[in-house]
């Protein structure tokens, strides 16, 4: 079920958002929702190039494997 959220923004930001929403033929609400979803996708997930760099970093892979083994054994300190 959709939720309603109230956001307070400065006038200049409102005008910018409104202009972009109009250019994209979206309501202001849908524009903001779309922008937040795109931002979240960009920042929450790694892209192919970043994933390749991770996979090629032997030291990192070794530390991840060691950390996984330690976690299975209950070793270490876990911070949430």
PDB file of N, CA and C in Angstrom:
ATOM      1  N   UNK A   1       0.837  -1.174   0.000  1.00  0.00           N
ATOM      2  CA  UNK A   1       0.000   0.000   0.000  1.00  0.00           C
ATOM      3  C   UNK A   1       0.887   1.244   0.000  1.00  0.00           C
ATOM      4  N   UNK A   2       0.572   2.186  -0.839  1.00  0.00           N
ATOM      5  CA  UNK A   2       1.353   3.421  -0.941  1.00  0.00           C
ATOM      6  C   UNK A   2       1.225   4.241   0.339  1.00  0.00           C
ATOM      7  N   UNK A   3       2.283   4.928   0.685  1.00  0.00           N
ATOM      8  CA  UNK A   3       2.324   5.788   1.871  1.00  0.00           C
ATOM      9  C   UNK A   3       2.464   7.239   1.437  1.00  0.00           C
ATOM     10  N   UNK A   4       1.951   8.122   2.229  1.00  0.00           N
ATOM     11  CA  UNK A   4       2.086   9.556   1.987  1.00  0.00           C
ATOM     12  C   UNK A   4       3.180  10.099   2.890  1.00  0.00           C
ATOM     13  N   UNK A   5       4.085  10.887   2.311  1.00  0.00           N
ATOM     14  CA  UNK A   5       5.193  11.473   3.051  1.00  0.00           C
ATOM     15  C   UNK A   5       5.172  12.981   2.804  1.00  0.00           C
ATOM     16  N   UNK A   6       5.338  13.743   3.862  1.00  0.00           N
ATOM     17  CA  UNK A   6       5.408  15.195   3.728  1.00  0.00           C
ATOM     18  C   UNK A   6       6.872  15.611   3.818  1.00  0.00           C
ATOM     19  N   UNK A   7       7.302  16.454   2.871  1.00  0.00           N
ATOM     20  CA  UNK A   7       8.688  16.905   2.830  1.00  0.00           C
ATOM     21  C   UNK A   7       8.688  18.429   2.750  1.00  0.00           C
ATOM     22  N   UNK A   8       9.509  19.055   3.570  1.00  0.00           N
ATOM     23  CA  UNK A   8       9.641  20.517   3.528  1.00  0.00           C
ATOM     24  C   UNK A   8      10.931  20.840   2.775  1.00  0.00           C
ATOM     25  N   UNK A   9      10.805  21.627   1.706  1.00  0.00           N
ATOM     26  CA  UNK A   9      11.977  22.008   0.916  1.00  0.00           C
ATOM     27  C   UNK A   9      11.958  23.520   0.681  1.00  0.00           C
ATOM     28  N   UNK A  10      13.129  24.058   0.436  1.00  0.00           N
ATOM     29  CA  UNK A  10      13.260  25.499   0.166  1.00  0.00           C
ATOM     30  C   UNK A  10      12.601  25.833  -1.181  1.00  0.00           C
ATOM     31  N   UNK A  11      12.212  27.087  -1.324  1.00  0.00           N
ATOM     32  CA  UNK A  11      11.516  27.529  -2.537  1.00  0.00           C
ATOM     33  C   UNK A  11      12.311  27.274  -3.809  1.00  0.00           C
ATOM     34  N   UNK A  12      13.617  27.540  -3.782  1.00  0.00           N
ATOM     35  CA  UNK A  12      14.419  27.356  -4.994  1.00  0.00           C
ATOM     36  C   UNK A  12      14.500  25.885  -5.396  1.00  0.00           C
ATOM     37  N   UNK A  13      14.575  24.996  -4.405  1.00  0.00           N
ATOM     38  CA  UNK A  13      14.595  23.560  -4.702  1.00  0.00           C
ATOM     39  C   UNK A  13      13.240  23.133  -5.270  1.00  0.00           C
ATOM     40  N   UNK A  14      12.183  23.657  -4.682  1.00  0.00           N
ATOM     41  CA  UNK A  14      10.836  23.352  -5.171  1.00  0.00           C
ATOM     42  C   UNK A  14      10.701  23.760  -6.639  1.00  0.00           C
ATOM     43  N   UNK A  15      11.165  24.949  -6.961  1.00  0.00           N
ATOM     44  CA  UNK A  15      11.078  25.429  -8.345  1.00  0.00           C
ATOM     45  C   UNK A  15      11.884  24.542  -9.290  1.00  0.00           C
ATOM     46  N   UNK A  16      13.059  24.144  -8.859  1.00  0.00           N
ATOM     47  CA  UNK A  16      13.889  23.255  -9.685  1.00  0.00           C
ATOM     48  C   UNK A  16      13.188  21.927  -9.911  1.00  0.00           C
ATOM     49  N   UNK A  17      12.690  21.326  -8.827  1.00  0.00           N
ATOM     50  CA  UNK A  17      11.979  20.048  -8.948  1.00  0.00           C
ATOM     51  C   UNK A  17      10.750  20.192  -9.855  1.00  0.00           C
ATOM     52  N   UNK A  18      10.007  21.261  -9.661  1.00  0.00           N
ATOM     53  CA  UNK A  18       8.797  21.481 -10.465  1.00  0.00           C
ATOM     54  C   UNK A  18       9.136  21.606 -11.945  1.00  0.00           C
ATOM     55  N   UNK A  19      10.193  22.350 -12.242  1.00  0.00           N
ATOM     56  CA  UNK A  19      10.604  22.538 -13.640  1.00  0.00           C
ATOM     57  C   UNK A  19      10.996  21.200 -14.268  1.00  0.00           C
ATOM     58  N   UNK A  20      11.781  20.412 -13.540  1.00  0.00           N
ATOM     59  CA  UNK A  20      12.195  19.113 -14.070  1.00  0.00           C
ATOM     60  C   UNK A  20      11.012  18.163 -14.210  1.00  0.00           C
ATOM     61  N   UNK A  21      10.107  18.189 -13.259  1.00  0.00           N
ATOM     62  CA  UNK A  21       8.918  17.335 -13.331  1.00  0.00           C
ATOM     63  C   UNK A  21       8.098  17.672 -14.576  1.00  0.00           C
ATOM     64  N   UNK A  22       7.934  18.966 -14.813  1.00  0.00           N
ATOM     65  CA  UNK A  22       7.177  19.401 -15.983  1.00  0.00           C
ATOM     66  C   UNK A  22       7.872  18.960 -17.278  1.00  0.00           C
ATOM     67  N   UNK A  23       9.196  19.112 -17.329  1.00  0.00           N
ATOM     68  CA  UNK A  23       9.953  18.698 -18.517  1.00  0.00           C
ATOM     69  C   UNK A  23       9.804  17.204 -18.788  1.00  0.00           C
ATOM     70  N   UNK A  24       9.693  16.420 -17.723  1.00  0.00           N
ATOM     71  CA  UNK A  24       9.552  14.964 -17.872  1.00  0.00           C
ATOM     72  C   UNK A  24       8.093  14.518 -17.919  1.00  0.00           C
ATOM     73  N   UNK A  25       7.193  15.497 -17.915  1.00  0.00           N
ATOM     74  CA  UNK A  25       5.755  15.218 -17.934  1.00  0.00           C
ATOM     75  C   UNK A  25       5.350  14.280 -16.794  1.00  0.00           C
ATOM     76  N   UNK A  26       5.849  14.589 -15.612  1.00  0.00           N
ATOM     77  CA  UNK A  26       5.513  13.836 -14.400  1.00  0.00           C
ATOM     78  C   UNK A  26       4.909  14.805 -13.399  1.00  0.00           C
ATOM     79  N   UNK A  27       4.117  14.262 -12.493  1.00  0.00           N
ATOM     80  CA  UNK A  27       3.689  15.079 -11.360  1.00  0.00           C
ATOM     81  C   UNK A  27       4.922  15.311 -10.484  1.00  0.00           C
ATOM     82  N   UNK A  28       4.868  16.313  -9.653  1.00  0.00           N
ATOM     83  CA  UNK A  28       5.985  16.590  -8.756  1.00  0.00           C
ATOM     84  C   UNK A  28       6.248  15.378  -7.871  1.00  0.00           C
ATOM     85  N   UNK A  29       5.197  14.775  -7.363  1.00  0.00           N
ATOM     86  CA  UNK A  29       5.331  13.604  -6.497  1.00  0.00           C
ATOM     87  C   UNK A  29       6.029  12.458  -7.231  1.00  0.00           C
ATOM     88  N   UNK A  30       5.605  12.178  -8.455  1.00  0.00           N
ATOM     89  CA  UNK A  30       6.211  11.085  -9.226  1.00  0.00           C
ATOM     90  C   UNK A  30       7.657  11.411  -9.602  1.00  0.00           C
ATOM     91  N   UNK A  31       7.940  12.687  -9.878  1.00  0.00           N
ATOM     92  CA  UNK A  31       9.313  13.078 -10.188  1.00  0.00           C
ATOM     93  C   UNK A  31      10.221  12.807  -8.995  1.00  0.00           C
ATOM     94  N   UNK A  32       9.794  13.233  -7.814  1.00  0.00           N
ATOM     95  CA  UNK A  32      10.604  13.034  -6.608  1.00  0.00           C
ATOM     96  C   UNK A  32      10.761  11.547  -6.330  1.00  0.00           C
ATOM     97  N   UNK A  33       9.694  10.778  -6.466  1.00  0.00           N
ATOM     98  CA  UNK A  33       9.775   9.331  -6.248  1.00  0.00           C
ATOM     99  C   UNK A  33      10.775   8.704  -7.220  1.00  0.00           C
ATOM    100  N   UNK A  34      10.695   9.063  -8.486  1.00  0.00           N
ATOM    101  CA  UNK A  34      11.606   8.530  -9.501  1.00  0.00           C
ATOM    102  C   UNK A  34      13.058   8.918  -9.192  1.00  0.00           C
ATOM    103  N   UNK A  35      13.275  10.167  -8.818  1.00  0.00           N
ATOM    104  CA  UNK A  35      14.626  10.642  -8.510  1.00  0.00           C
ATOM    105  C   UNK A  35      15.216   9.882  -7.326  1.00  0.00           C
ATOM    106  N   UNK A  36      14.426   9.651  -6.313  1.00  0.00           N
ATOM    107  CA  UNK A  36      14.906   8.927  -5.135  1.00  0.00           C
ATOM    108  C   UNK A  36      15.214   7.478  -5.491  1.00  0.00           C
ATOM    109  N   UNK A  37      14.372   6.855  -6.284  1.00  0.00           N
ATOM    110  CA  UNK A  37      14.624   5.465  -6.704  1.00  0.00           C
ATOM    111  C   UNK A  37      15.918   5.388  -7.508  1.00  0.00           C
ATOM    112  N   UNK A  38      16.129   6.304  -8.448  1.00  0.00           N
ATOM    113  CA  UNK A  38      17.352   6.298  -9.259  1.00  0.00           C
ATOM    114  C   UNK A  38      18.583   6.527  -8.385  1.00  0.00           C
ATOM    115  N   UNK A  39      18.496   7.448  -7.444  1.00  0.00           N
ATOM    116  CA  UNK A  39      19.614   7.706  -6.531  1.00  0.00           C
ATOM    117  C   UNK A  39      19.935   6.454  -5.720  1.00  0.00           C
ATOM    118  N   UNK A  40      18.897   5.821  -5.205  1.00  0.00           N
ATOM    119  CA  UNK A  40      19.091   4.620  -4.395  1.00  0.00           C
ATOM    120  C   UNK A  40      19.734   3.506  -5.204  1.00  0.00           C
ATOM    121  N   UNK A  41      19.295   3.312  -6.428  1.00  0.00           N
ATOM    122  CA  UNK A  41      19.897   2.279  -7.283  1.00  0.00           C
ATOM    123  C   UNK A  41      21.368   2.567  -7.549  1.00  0.00           C
ATOM    124  N   UNK A  42      21.695   3.842  -7.792  1.00  0.00           N
ATOM    125  CA  UNK A  42      23.087   4.213  -8.080  1.00  0.00           C
ATOM    126  C   UNK A  42      23.999   4.030  -6.874  1.00  0.00           C
ATOM    127  N   UNK A  43      23.487   4.303  -5.694  1.00  0.00           N
ATOM    128  CA  UNK A  43      24.342   4.283  -4.517  1.00  0.00           C
ATOM    129  C   UNK A  43      24.299   2.973  -3.748  1.00  0.00           C
ATOM    130  N   UNK A  44      23.259   2.181  -3.925  1.00  0.00           N
ATOM    131  CA  UNK A  44      23.100   0.960  -3.123  1.00  0.00           C
ATOM    132  C   UNK A  44      23.743  -0.257  -3.769  1.00  0.00           C
ATOM    133  N   UNK A  45      23.983  -0.208  -5.053  1.00  0.00           N
ATOM    134  CA  UNK A  45      24.494  -1.373  -5.760  1.00  0.00           C
ATOM    135  C   UNK A  45      25.781  -1.033  -6.499  1.00  0.00           C
ATOM    136  N   UNK A  46      26.650  -2.028  -6.633  1.00  0.00           N
ATOM    137  CA  UNK A  46      27.880  -1.800  -7.379  1.00  0.00           C
ATOM    138  C   UNK A  46      27.619  -1.999  -8.869  1.00  0.00           C
ATOM    139  N   UNK A  47      28.318  -1.246  -9.687  1.00  0.00           N
ATOM    140  CA  UNK A  47      28.195  -1.447 -11.124  1.00  0.00           C
ATOM    141  C   UNK A  47      29.198  -2.522 -11.560  1.00  0.00           C
ATOM    142  N   UNK A  48      29.140  -2.911 -12.821  1.00  0.00           N
ATOM    143  CA  UNK A  48      29.992  -3.995 -13.328  1.00  0.00           C
ATOM    144  C   UNK A  48      31.478  -3.697 -13.162  1.00  0.00           C
ATOM    145  N   UNK A  49      31.885  -2.463 -13.408  1.00  0.00           N
ATOM    146  CA  UNK A  49      33.301  -2.113 -13.296  1.00  0.00           C
ATOM    147  C   UNK A  49      33.778  -2.223 -11.847  1.00  0.00           C
ATOM    148  N   UNK A  50      32.971  -1.722 -10.917  1.00  0.00           N
ATOM    149  CA  UNK A  50      33.343  -1.806  -9.507  1.00  0.00           C
ATOM    150  C   UNK A  50      33.383  -3.263  -9.050  1.00  0.00           C
ATOM    151  N   UNK A  51      32.438  -4.070  -9.511  1.00  0.00           N
ATOM    152  CA  UNK A  51      32.417  -5.482  -9.141  1.00  0.00           C
ATOM    153  C   UNK A  51      33.647  -6.205  -9.683  1.00  0.00           C
ATOM    154  N   UNK A  52      34.084  -5.839 -10.879  1.00  0.00           N
ATOM    155  CA  UNK A  52      35.274  -6.428 -11.482  1.00  0.00           C
ATOM    156  C   UNK A  52      36.515  -6.077 -10.642  1.00  0.00           C
ATOM    157  N   UNK A  53      36.594  -4.830 -10.202  1.00  0.00           N
ATOM    158  CA  UNK A  53      37.722  -4.409  -9.363  1.00  0.00           C
ATOM    159  C   UNK A  53      37.746  -5.205  -8.055  1.00  0.00           C
ATOM    160  N   UNK A  54      36.585  -5.413  -7.477  1.00  0.00           N
ATOM    161  CA  UNK A  54      36.495  -6.184  -6.232  1.00  0.00           C
ATOM    162  C   UNK A  54      36.970  -7.614  -6.476  1.00  0.00           C
ATOM    163  N   UNK A  55      36.479  -8.229  -7.550  1.00  0.00           N
ATOM    164  CA  UNK A  55      36.813  -9.624  -7.851  1.00  0.00           C
ATOM    165  C   UNK A  55      38.300  -9.813  -8.144  1.00  0.00           C
ATOM    166  N   UNK A  56      38.962  -8.783  -8.654  1.00  0.00           N
ATOM    167  CA  UNK A  56      40.381  -8.880  -9.004  1.00  0.00           C
ATOM    168  C   UNK A  56      41.314  -8.531  -7.846  1.00  0.00           C
ATOM    169  N   UNK A  57      40.768  -8.055  -6.738  1.00  0.00           N
ATOM    170  CA  UNK A  57      41.570  -7.670  -5.581  1.00  0.00           C
ATOM    171  C   UNK A  57      41.797  -8.902  -4.705  1.00  0.00           C
ATOM    172  N   UNK A  58      42.925  -9.574  -4.929  1.00  0.00           N
ATOM    173  CA  UNK A  58      43.210 -10.833  -4.234  1.00  0.00           C
ATOM    174  C   UNK A  58      43.276 -10.661  -2.719  1.00  0.00           C
ATOM    175  N   UNK A  59      43.861  -9.569  -2.267  1.00  0.00           N
ATOM    176  CA  UNK A  59      43.940  -9.312  -0.832  1.00  0.00           C
ATOM    177  C   UNK A  59      42.558  -9.164  -0.208  1.00  0.00           C
ATOM    178  N   UNK A  60      41.695  -8.447  -0.886  1.00  0.00           N
ATOM    179  CA  UNK A  60      40.334  -8.262  -0.396  1.00  0.00           C
ATOM    180  C   UNK A  60      39.594  -9.599  -0.350  1.00  0.00           C
ATOM    181  N   UNK A  61      39.700 -10.373  -1.412  1.00  0.00           N
ATOM    182  CA  UNK A  61      39.031 -11.680  -1.464  1.00  0.00           C
ATOM    183  C   UNK A  61      39.535 -12.572  -0.331  1.00  0.00           C
ATOM    184  N   UNK A  62      40.835 -12.556  -0.089  1.00  0.00           N
ATOM    185  CA  UNK A  62      41.417 -13.359   1.001  1.00  0.00           C
ATOM    186  C   UNK A  62      40.839 -12.923   2.358  1.00  0.00           C
ATOM    187  N   UNK A  63      40.746 -11.600   2.571  1.00  0.00           N
ATOM    188  CA  UNK A  63      40.207 -11.099   3.840  1.00  0.00           C
ATOM    189  C   UNK A  63      38.724 -11.423   3.983  1.00  0.00           C
ATOM    190  N   UNK A  64      37.982 -11.367   2.897  1.00  0.00           N
ATOM    191  CA  UNK A  64      36.556 -11.721   2.943  1.00  0.00           C
ATOM    192  C   UNK A  64      36.387 -13.188   3.313  1.00  0.00           C
ATOM    193  N   UNK A  65      37.190 -14.060   2.677  1.00  0.00           N
ATOM    194  CA  UNK A  65      37.114 -15.493   2.988  1.00  0.00           C
ATOM    195  C   UNK A  65      37.483 -15.755   4.440  1.00  0.00           C
ATOM    196  N   UNK A  66      38.533 -15.089   4.924  1.00  0.00           N
ATOM    197  CA  UNK A  66      38.937 -15.257   6.312  1.00  0.00           C
ATOM    198  C   UNK A  66      37.841 -14.761   7.248  1.00  0.00           C
ATOM    199  N   UNK A  67      37.253 -13.627   6.930  1.00  0.00           N
ATOM    200  CA  UNK A  67      36.170 -13.088   7.744  1.00  0.00           C
ATOM    201  C   UNK A  67      34.968 -14.005   7.778  1.00  0.00           C
ATOM    202  N   UNK A  68      34.663 -14.628   6.653  1.00  0.00           N
ATOM    203  CA  UNK A  68      33.547 -15.576   6.590  1.00  0.00           C
ATOM    204  C   UNK A  68      33.829 -16.778   7.469  1.00  0.00           C
ATOM    205  N   UNK A  69      35.051 -17.301   7.390  1.00  0.00           N
ATOM    206  CA  UNK A  69      35.425 -18.444   8.241  1.00  0.00           C
ATOM    207  C   UNK A  69      35.353 -18.058   9.714  1.00  0.00           C
ATOM    208  N   UNK A  70      35.869 -16.874  10.064  1.00  0.00           N
ATOM    209  CA  UNK A  70      35.828 -16.408  11.446  1.00  0.00           C
ATOM    210  C   UNK A  70      34.386 -16.264  11.929  1.00  0.00           C
ATOM    211  N   UNK A  71      33.523 -15.738  11.079  1.00  0.00           N
ATOM    212  CA  UNK A  71      32.121 -15.561  11.464  1.00  0.00           C
ATOM    213  C   UNK A  71      31.453 -16.903  11.720  1.00  0.00           C
ATOM    214  N   UNK A  72      31.743 -17.888  10.882  1.00  0.00           N
ATOM    215  CA  UNK A  72      31.163 -19.223  11.076  1.00  0.00           C
ATOM    216  C   UNK A  72      31.611 -19.838  12.399  1.00  0.00           C
ATOM    217  N   UNK A  73      32.821 -19.503  12.826  1.00  0.00           N
ATOM    218  CA  UNK A  73      33.362 -20.032  14.080  1.00  0.00           C
ATOM    219  C   UNK A  73      32.971 -19.175  15.282  1.00  0.00           C
ATOM    220  N   UNK A  74      32.291 -18.063  15.029  1.00  0.00           N
ATOM    221  CA  UNK A  74      31.903 -17.174  16.115  1.00  0.00           C
ATOM    222  C   UNK A  74      33.023 -16.304  16.613  1.00  0.00           C
ATOM    223  N   UNK A  75      34.091 -16.212  15.837  1.00  0.00           N
ATOM    224  CA  UNK A  75      35.243 -15.397  16.226  1.00  0.00           C
ATOM    225  C   UNK A  75      34.992 -13.941  15.879  1.00  0.00           C
ATOM    226  N   UNK A  76      35.637 -13.069  16.604  1.00  0.00           N
ATOM    227  CA  UNK A  76      35.591 -11.652  16.271  1.00  0.00           C
ATOM    228  C   UNK A  76      34.459 -10.923  16.965  1.00  0.00           C
ATOM    229  N   UNK A  77      34.370  -9.671  16.614  1.00  0.00           N
ATOM    230  CA  UNK A  77      33.369  -8.800  17.203  1.00  0.00           C
ATOM    231  C   UNK A  77      32.497  -8.271  16.071  1.00  0.00           C
ATOM    232  N   UNK A  78      31.206  -8.388  16.192  1.00  0.00           N
ATOM    233  CA  UNK A  78      30.294  -7.989  15.140  1.00  0.00           C
ATOM    234  C   UNK A  78      29.575  -6.716  15.541  1.00  0.00           C
ATOM    235  N   UNK A  79      29.603  -5.749  14.661  1.00  0.00           N
ATOM    236  CA  UNK A  79      29.022  -4.435  14.946  1.00  0.00           C
ATOM    237  C   UNK A  79      27.864  -4.202  13.983  1.00  0.00           C
ATOM    238  N   UNK A  80      26.756  -3.791  14.508  1.00  0.00           N
ATOM    239  CA  UNK A  80      25.578  -3.540  13.665  1.00  0.00           C
ATOM    240  C   UNK A  80      25.501  -2.091  13.280  1.00  0.00           C
TER     241      UNK A  80
END
